[in-house]
Structure formats: structure tokens, C-alpha cells
Amino acid sequence: MSKKMPKPAASEAAFDQTACNCLAIRQAARHITRAYERHLAPEGLRASQYSILSKLNRLGPLSIGELANTMVMDRTTLGRAIRPLERDELLIVDDGRDGRTRSIRLTSAGVAKVKSAAMRWRKAQKEFELAFGTDKAADLRSTLLRVISAA
């Protein structure tokens, strides 16, 4: 005796099971990153490097763990990202508060680099918002923050 498969509910039928949220977000991130990096290239920075410098400029010295958490990065990835910034003397990695941790802080050259790159970052931000819409860009950032906090 063969059983009929039940019909999916309307909401299930409307759900595209081939769409992958992770892939869509990663593709969008790569697309947006390319645009920002095109603007930041004359400063010799990648978008991730600018983000690290900018975060340290706003928050001051942080432990590697604290910075990794605020950047939503694992410590190993962060370590690879800060190496060229340390080599270029834009930041310093020192002993932390308790000898077991390491602390990261901007150098004066790092502060100057953030300031000079900020103009280029603002141009990239404006380019994206003009193409996508200012209100939609704000909604997108809000949505993505909810995604991060829900994870």
C-alpha cells in the first residue's frame, strides 16, 4: 500500500530550499569588500585591516581576545590580520594586564593611517549607499547586527 506524501504547507512551499543564507551573505560580503578595498588600496590597506585600525582607534587598547570578539573573528584569523599592521608599525602588540594576555594598541602612525584612510572609507560608504539606498543600507546593518547577536 503506497502512502501519499502530505502537501507542504504554503509557507514551506514558498521556501526555496536551494537558497543558502550563508552563501548569499558571503557573496554579498565579497562583493562589498571588493568595493571598499578599491577605495582603500591607495592607503595600502585591506578592508579588514581598516576595520581593525578603526576599532582600536575608537575603543583604545584591547586584548587580542577582546578585539577578536568585537570583530567577530577567531583569534587565529585576527593574528594573521594584525601581522602586516604590526610589521608596518601601525599597531603594537604588548604584554596584557596579566602576563597571560596580549594587548593591541595603535601607534601614532596607526592613528594617522586611520585618519587618512577614513576619507576613502567614507567614499566607499557613500558609493554603496547611493547604489543600495541610504535607508536600505541602514536597515541592512540593523538586520546584520541582529544576525550576529542571534548566533
C-alpha atoms as a PDB file:
ATOM      1  CA  MET A   1       0.000   0.000   0.000  1.00  0.00           C
ATOM      2  CA  SER A   2       1.536   3.325  -1.036  1.00  0.00           C
ATOM      3  CA  LYS A   3       1.126   6.381   1.088  1.00  0.00           C
ATOM      4  CA  LYS A   4       0.761   9.804  -0.426  1.00  0.00           C
ATOM      5  CA  MET A   5       3.212  12.429   0.721  1.00  0.00           C
ATOM      6  CA  PRO A   6       1.403  15.202   2.536  1.00  0.00           C
ATOM      7  CA  LYS A   7       1.292  18.510   0.736  1.00  0.00           C
ATOM      8  CA  PRO A   8       3.675  21.024   2.234  1.00  0.00           C
ATOM      9  CA  ALA A   9       2.167  23.993   3.993  1.00  0.00           C
ATOM     10  CA  ALA A  10       2.013  27.166   1.930  1.00  0.00           C
ATOM     11  CA  SER A  11       4.937  28.672   3.819  1.00  0.00           C
ATOM     12  CA  GLU A  12       7.043  25.544   3.219  1.00  0.00           C
ATOM     13  CA  ALA A  13       6.239  25.534  -0.494  1.00  0.00           C
ATOM     14  CA  ALA A  14       7.264  29.180  -0.764  1.00  0.00           C
ATOM     15  CA  PHE A  15      10.614  28.473   0.934  1.00  0.00           C
ATOM     16  CA  ASP A  16      13.338  27.988  -1.661  1.00  0.00           C
ATOM     17  CA  GLN A  17      15.302  25.044  -0.316  1.00  0.00           C
ATOM     18  CA  THR A  18      18.103  25.647  -2.806  1.00  0.00           C
ATOM     19  CA  ALA A  19      18.823  29.120  -1.415  1.00  0.00           C
ATOM     20  CA  CYS A  20      21.629  29.129   1.120  1.00  0.00           C
ATOM     21  CA  ASN A  21      21.719  32.028   3.559  1.00  0.00           C
ATOM     22  CA  CYS A  22      25.401  31.510   4.266  1.00  0.00           C
ATOM     23  CA  LEU A  23      26.324  31.570   0.573  1.00  0.00           C
ATOM     24  CA  ALA A  24      24.207  34.658  -0.112  1.00  0.00           C
ATOM     25  CA  ILE A  25      25.730  36.580   2.792  1.00  0.00           C
ATOM     26  CA  ARG A  26      29.284  35.532   1.871  1.00  0.00           C
ATOM     27  CA  GLN A  27      28.770  36.509  -1.778  1.00  0.00           C
ATOM     28  CA  ALA A  28      27.393  39.898  -0.758  1.00  0.00           C
ATOM     29  CA  ALA A  29      30.276  40.381   1.683  1.00  0.00           C
ATOM     30  CA  ARG A  30      32.853  39.594  -1.010  1.00  0.00           C
ATOM     31  CA  HIS A  31      31.155  41.984  -3.446  1.00  0.00           C
ATOM     32  CA  ILE A  32      31.024  44.831  -0.918  1.00  0.00           C
ATOM     33  CA  THR A  33      34.560  44.118   0.312  1.00  0.00           C
ATOM     34  CA  ARG A  34      35.922  44.500  -3.234  1.00  0.00           C
ATOM     35  CA  ALA A  35      34.347  47.954  -3.499  1.00  0.00           C
ATOM     36  CA  TYR A  36      35.737  49.116  -0.153  1.00  0.00           C
ATOM     37  CA  GLU A  37      39.178  47.689  -0.926  1.00  0.00           C
ATOM     38  CA  ARG A  38      39.241  49.509  -4.255  1.00  0.00           C
ATOM     39  CA  HIS A  39      38.839  52.760  -2.307  1.00  0.00           C
ATOM     40  CA  LEU A  40      41.296  51.807   0.458  1.00  0.00           C
ATOM     41  CA  ALA A  41      44.021  50.466  -1.864  1.00  0.00           C
ATOM     42  CA  PRO A  42      45.823  53.830  -2.224  1.00  0.00           C
ATOM     43  CA  GLU A  43      46.295  53.758   1.577  1.00  0.00           C
ATOM     44  CA  GLY A  44      47.803  50.268   1.362  1.00  0.00           C
ATOM     45  CA  LEU A  45      45.006  48.803   3.480  1.00  0.00           C
ATOM     46  CA  ARG A  46      42.548  45.994   3.038  1.00  0.00           C
ATOM     47  CA  ALA A  47      39.007  46.477   4.352  1.00  0.00           C
ATOM     48  CA  SER A  48      39.630  44.095   7.261  1.00  0.00           C
ATOM     49  CA  GLN A  49      42.791  45.980   8.232  1.00  0.00           C
ATOM     50  CA  TYR A  50      40.982  49.310   8.158  1.00  0.00           C
ATOM     51  CA  SER A  51      38.256  47.820  10.354  1.00  0.00           C
ATOM     52  CA  ILE A  52      40.820  46.670  12.916  1.00  0.00           C
ATOM     53  CA  LEU A  53      42.605  50.033  12.977  1.00  0.00           C
ATOM     54  CA  SER A  54      39.314  51.902  13.163  1.00  0.00           C
ATOM     55  CA  LYS A  55      38.027  49.726  16.023  1.00  0.00           C
ATOM     56  CA  LEU A  56      41.243  50.271  18.007  1.00  0.00           C
ATOM     57  CA  ASN A  57      41.074  53.997  17.286  1.00  0.00           C
ATOM     58  CA  ARG A  58      37.533  54.165  18.716  1.00  0.00           C
ATOM     59  CA  LEU A  59      37.956  51.784  21.668  1.00  0.00           C
ATOM     60  CA  GLY A  60      41.614  52.167  22.596  1.00  0.00           C
ATOM     61  CA  PRO A  61      43.937  49.298  23.527  1.00  0.00           C
ATOM     62  CA  LEU A  62      42.283  45.873  23.695  1.00  0.00           C
ATOM     63  CA  SER A  63      43.419  42.365  24.446  1.00  0.00           C
ATOM     64  CA  ILE A  64      43.615  40.063  21.444  1.00  0.00           C
ATOM     65  CA  GLY A  65      40.593  38.178  22.778  1.00  0.00           C
ATOM     66  CA  GLU A  66      38.569  41.363  23.247  1.00  0.00           C
ATOM     67  CA  LEU A  67      39.433  42.594  19.770  1.00  0.00           C
ATOM     68  CA  ALA A  68      38.614  39.201  18.243  1.00  0.00           C
ATOM     69  CA  ASN A  69      35.217  39.250  19.979  1.00  0.00           C
ATOM     70  CA  THR A  70      34.352  42.772  18.856  1.00  0.00           C
ATOM     71  CA  MET A  71      35.430  41.934  15.288  1.00  0.00           C
ATOM     72  CA  VAL A  72      33.531  38.594  15.370  1.00  0.00           C
ATOM     73  CA  MET A  73      36.758  36.845  14.326  1.00  0.00           C
ATOM     74  CA  ASP A  74      38.602  33.896  15.771  1.00  0.00           C
ATOM     75  CA  ARG A  75      41.931  34.666  17.404  1.00  0.00           C
ATOM     76  CA  THR A  76      43.984  32.828  14.760  1.00  0.00           C
ATOM     77  CA  THR A  77      42.438  34.817  11.908  1.00  0.00           C
ATOM     78  CA  LEU A  78      42.914  38.039  13.845  1.00  0.00           C
ATOM     79  CA  GLY A  79      46.549  37.129  14.483  1.00  0.00           C
ATOM     80  CA  ARG A  80      47.169  36.742  10.747  1.00  0.00           C
ATOM     81  CA  ALA A  81      45.350  40.014  10.030  1.00  0.00           C
ATOM     82  CA  ILE A  82      47.372  42.083  12.502  1.00  0.00           C
ATOM     83  CA  ARG A  83      50.820  40.796  11.464  1.00  0.00           C
ATOM     84  CA  PRO A  84      51.207  43.182   8.489  1.00  0.00           C
ATOM     85  CA  LEU A  85      49.843  46.065  10.582  1.00  0.00           C
ATOM     86  CA  GLU A  86      52.426  45.331  13.251  1.00  0.00           C
ATOM     87  CA  ARG A  87      55.175  44.969  10.621  1.00  0.00           C
ATOM     88  CA  ASP A  88      54.208  48.368   9.177  1.00  0.00           C
ATOM     89  CA  GLU A  89      54.314  49.816  12.719  1.00  0.00           C
ATOM     90  CA  LEU A  90      50.651  50.822  12.663  1.00  0.00           C
ATOM     91  CA  LEU A  91      49.974  48.922  15.879  1.00  0.00           C
ATOM     92  CA  ILE A  92      51.914  47.363  18.717  1.00  0.00           C
ATOM     93  CA  VAL A  93      51.248  44.061  20.442  1.00  0.00           C
ATOM     94  CA  ASP A  94      52.351  44.300  24.089  1.00  0.00           C
ATOM     95  CA  ASP A  95      52.002  42.186  27.201  1.00  0.00           C
ATOM     96  CA  GLY A  96      48.491  42.500  28.556  1.00  0.00           C
ATOM     97  CA  ARG A  97      47.270  43.376  32.019  1.00  0.00           C
ATOM     98  CA  ASP A  98      48.040  39.981  33.478  1.00  0.00           C
ATOM     99  CA  GLY A  99      51.042  38.460  31.736  1.00  0.00           C
ATOM    100  CA  ARG A 100      48.853  35.752  30.154  1.00  0.00           C
ATOM    101  CA  THR A 101      47.220  38.073  27.632  1.00  0.00           C
ATOM    102  CA  ARG A 102      48.493  40.282  24.841  1.00  0.00           C
ATOM    103  CA  SER A 103      47.266  43.835  24.303  1.00  0.00           C
ATOM    104  CA  ILE A 104      46.995  45.636  20.971  1.00  0.00           C
ATOM    105  CA  ARG A 105      47.202  49.395  20.593  1.00  0.00           C
ATOM    106  CA  LEU A 106      47.637  51.842  17.748  1.00  0.00           C
ATOM    107  CA  THR A 107      50.896  53.682  17.217  1.00  0.00           C
ATOM    108  CA  SER A 108      50.899  57.336  16.200  1.00  0.00           C
ATOM    109  CA  ALA A 109      51.431  56.131  12.620  1.00  0.00           C
ATOM    110  CA  GLY A 110      48.359  53.901  13.031  1.00  0.00           C
ATOM    111  CA  VAL A 111      46.240  56.817  14.220  1.00  0.00           C
ATOM    112  CA  ALA A 112      47.439  58.882  11.246  1.00  0.00           C
ATOM    113  CA  LYS A 113      46.673  55.999   8.858  1.00  0.00           C
ATOM    114  CA  VAL A 114      43.110  55.667  10.199  1.00  0.00           C
ATOM    115  CA  LYS A 115      42.551  59.386   9.759  1.00  0.00           C
ATOM    116  CA  SER A 116      43.878  59.453   6.194  1.00  0.00           C
ATOM    117  CA  ALA A 117      42.003  56.265   5.226  1.00  0.00           C
ATOM    118  CA  ALA A 118      38.717  57.461   6.774  1.00  0.00           C
ATOM    119  CA  MET A 119      38.091  59.799   3.850  1.00  0.00           C
ATOM    120  CA  ARG A 120      38.420  56.896   1.402  1.00  0.00           C
ATOM    121  CA  TRP A 121      36.222  54.702   3.617  1.00  0.00           C
ATOM    122  CA  ARG A 122      33.544  57.430   3.607  1.00  0.00           C
ATOM    123  CA  LYS A 123      33.669  57.482  -0.208  1.00  0.00           C
ATOM    124  CA  ALA A 124      33.159  53.711  -0.305  1.00  0.00           C
ATOM    125  CA  GLN A 125      30.317  54.018   2.203  1.00  0.00           C
ATOM    126  CA  LYS A 126      28.671  56.752   0.127  1.00  0.00           C
ATOM    127  CA  GLU A 127      29.081  54.747  -3.099  1.00  0.00           C
ATOM    128  CA  PHE A 128      27.350  51.746  -1.526  1.00  0.00           C
ATOM    129  CA  GLU A 129      24.543  53.829  -0.043  1.00  0.00           C
ATOM    130  CA  LEU A 130      23.909  55.635  -3.320  1.00  0.00           C
ATOM    131  CA  ALA A 131      23.664  52.311  -5.155  1.00  0.00           C
ATOM    132  CA  PHE A 132      21.692  50.437  -2.491  1.00  0.00           C
ATOM    133  CA  GLY A 133      19.786  53.284  -0.834  1.00  0.00           C
ATOM    134  CA  THR A 134      20.611  55.030   2.432  1.00  0.00           C
ATOM    135  CA  ASP A 135      17.584  53.714   4.306  1.00  0.00           C
ATOM    136  CA  LYS A 136      18.037  50.196   2.930  1.00  0.00           C
ATOM    137  CA  ALA A 137      21.728  50.272   3.920  1.00  0.00           C
ATOM    138  CA  ALA A 138      20.764  51.281   7.476  1.00  0.00           C
ATOM    139  CA  ASP A 139      18.148  48.503   7.558  1.00  0.00           C
ATOM    140  CA  LEU A 140      20.747  46.035   6.273  1.00  0.00           C
ATOM    141  CA  ARG A 141      23.236  46.973   9.004  1.00  0.00           C
ATOM    142  CA  SER A 142      20.498  46.627  11.614  1.00  0.00           C
ATOM    143  CA  THR A 143      19.495  43.224  10.251  1.00  0.00           C
ATOM    144  CA  LEU A 144      23.079  42.007  10.184  1.00  0.00           C
ATOM    145  CA  LEU A 145      23.589  43.104  13.806  1.00  0.00           C
ATOM    146  CA  ARG A 146      20.532  41.021  14.723  1.00  0.00           C
ATOM    147  CA  VAL A 147      22.072  38.061  12.862  1.00  0.00           C
ATOM    148  CA  ILE A 148      25.295  38.437  14.857  1.00  0.00           C
ATOM    149  CA  SER A 149      23.503  38.725  18.195  1.00  0.00           C
ATOM    150  CA  ALA A 150      21.269  35.736  17.419  1.00  0.00           C
ATOM    151  CA  ALA A 151      24.205  33.445  16.629  1.00  0.00           C
END
